[in-house]
Amino acid sequence: MKTTNLTPAQIRLALWDTITRDLNLQSVSKLILLIIANFTNPRSRTARIPLSLIVLKSGLHHSDVNRQMAVLETSGWVEKILVPAEAEQRSITLYNLSAQLLRLALQQQPDP
C-alpha cells in the first residue's frame, strides 16, 4: 500500500497499533514511544521532541526516561538528533521514532 494515500489520522493510528500490539517491550518503553508518536508529524514523520517534554508527558523521573531512551535507541526504535546550541550552551538532544519503526507500522496497513 502506498503510504502517501494514508491520512494523518491513519498514520498515527498505525503507529499506535504497532507500538501497543506488535512490539515486545516493557510498558514504560511503550509509553515513551506512544508519547513520541503523539508528537510525530504524520507528513514529515518526525517529532523532534526533547527529553524534557517526554519526562513531562510521561510523569516519570528524568533518570528513568534517560535510561529507557538509551535502551530504545540501542534497540533501533528511536533516533536522536543533536542540535548545536548558541555559544557556551549545551547542544539540545531531540528524539524521533526510528525509520525502522515507521516502516514497520506503515507496511502493516491493509489496502482499502
Protein backbone atom coordinates (compact mmCIF):
# COMPACT_ATOMS: atom_id res chain seq x y z
CA MET A 1 0.00 0.00 0.00
CA LYS A 2 1.22 3.49 -0.79
CA THR A 3 1.71 5.36 2.45
CA THR A 4 1.11 8.65 0.64
CA ASN A 5 -2.58 7.67 0.47
CA LEU A 6 -2.86 7.48 4.25
CA THR A 7 -4.45 10.33 6.15
CA PRO A 8 -2.60 11.80 9.14
CA ALA A 9 -5.07 10.01 11.44
CA GLN A 10 -4.37 6.66 9.73
CA ILE A 11 -0.62 7.17 10.08
CA ARG A 12 -0.93 7.99 13.78
CA LEU A 13 -3.25 5.01 14.32
CA ALA A 14 -0.78 2.72 12.54
CA LEU A 15 2.00 3.91 14.86
CA TRP A 16 -0.12 3.42 17.98
CA ASP A 17 -1.25 -0.02 16.83
CA THR A 18 2.27 -1.22 16.07
CA ILE A 19 3.70 0.14 19.33
CA THR A 20 0.98 -1.30 21.55
CA ARG A 21 0.35 -4.64 19.83
CA ASP A 22 3.43 -5.67 17.91
CA LEU A 23 6.45 -4.55 19.92
CA ASN A 24 7.54 -6.83 22.73
CA LEU A 25 8.68 -4.09 25.11
CA GLN A 26 8.16 -3.05 28.72
CA SER A 27 5.18 -0.81 29.35
CA VAL A 28 7.47 2.13 30.19
CA SER A 29 9.17 1.83 26.80
CA LYS A 30 5.81 1.64 25.04
CA LEU A 31 4.61 4.72 26.94
CA ILE A 32 7.64 6.69 25.77
CA LEU A 33 7.19 5.53 22.17
CA LEU A 34 3.49 6.48 22.27
CA ILE A 35 4.39 9.96 23.54
CA ILE A 36 6.84 10.41 20.68
CA ALA A 37 4.23 9.05 18.24
CA ASN A 38 1.73 11.63 19.51
CA PHE A 39 4.18 14.40 18.62
CA THR A 40 5.20 12.88 15.29
CA ASN A 41 4.15 14.97 12.31
CA PRO A 42 2.37 12.50 10.02
CA ARG A 43 3.69 14.20 6.87
CA SER A 44 7.36 14.72 7.79
CA ARG A 45 7.37 11.61 10.01
CA THR A 46 9.46 13.46 12.61
CA ALA A 47 8.73 14.59 16.15
CA ARG A 48 11.94 16.35 17.20
CA ILE A 49 10.82 16.05 20.82
CA PRO A 50 13.20 16.97 23.68
CA LEU A 51 13.76 14.67 26.62
CA SER A 52 12.24 17.26 28.97
CA LEU A 53 8.88 17.04 27.17
CA ILE A 54 8.93 13.23 27.34
CA VAL A 55 9.60 13.49 31.09
CA LEU A 56 6.74 15.99 31.48
CA LYS A 57 4.20 13.96 29.49
CA SER A 58 5.17 10.58 30.97
CA GLY A 59 5.29 11.63 34.62
CA LEU A 60 8.47 9.57 35.00
CA HIS A 61 11.73 10.70 36.58
CA HIS A 62 14.33 12.19 34.27
CA SER A 63 16.82 9.42 35.08
CA ASP A 64 14.26 6.70 34.26
CA VAL A 65 13.37 8.28 30.92
CA ASN A 66 17.04 8.82 30.11
CA ARG A 67 17.78 5.16 30.81
CA GLN A 68 14.83 3.98 28.69
CA MET A 69 15.82 6.26 25.81
CA ALA A 70 19.26 4.65 25.73
CA VAL A 71 17.63 1.20 25.54
CA LEU A 72 15.20 2.31 22.82
CA GLU A 73 17.98 3.91 20.81
CA THR A 74 20.21 0.82 21.09
CA SER A 75 17.24 -1.35 20.06
CA GLY A 76 16.64 0.80 16.99
CA TRP A 77 13.20 2.14 17.95
CA VAL A 78 14.21 5.81 18.36
CA GLU A 79 16.77 8.09 16.78
CA LYS A 80 18.31 11.13 18.37
CA ILE A 81 19.45 14.35 16.78
CA LEU A 82 21.96 16.70 18.39
CA VAL A 83 21.14 20.33 17.64
CA PRO A 84 24.02 22.73 18.20
CA ALA A 85 23.20 25.48 20.66
CA GLU A 86 24.39 29.03 20.98
CA ALA A 87 27.91 29.68 22.25
CA GLU A 88 28.61 28.42 25.77
CA GLN A 89 25.40 26.39 25.90
CA ARG A 90 24.95 22.65 25.67
CA SER A 91 23.61 21.20 22.46
CA ILE A 92 19.99 20.06 22.54
CA THR A 93 19.05 16.41 22.00
CA LEU A 94 15.81 15.75 20.14
CA TYR A 95 14.17 12.38 19.53
CA ASN A 96 12.20 10.82 16.68
CA LEU A 97 10.75 7.40 16.09
CA SER A 98 13.22 5.41 14.02
CA ALA A 99 12.79 4.84 10.30
CA GLN A 100 12.64 1.13 11.15
CA LEU A 101 9.61 1.62 13.42
CA LEU A 102 7.89 3.89 10.91
CA ARG A 103 8.39 1.33 8.12
CA LEU A 104 7.11 -1.48 10.33
CA ALA A 105 3.96 0.47 11.22
CA LEU A 106 3.21 1.63 7.70
CA GLN A 107 3.92 -1.69 5.98
CA GLN A 108 1.28 -3.41 8.07
CA GLN A 109 -1.55 -1.22 6.81
CA PRO A 110 -4.14 -3.13 4.76
CA ASP A 111 -5.20 -1.92 1.34
CA PRO A 112 -8.52 -0.03 1.40
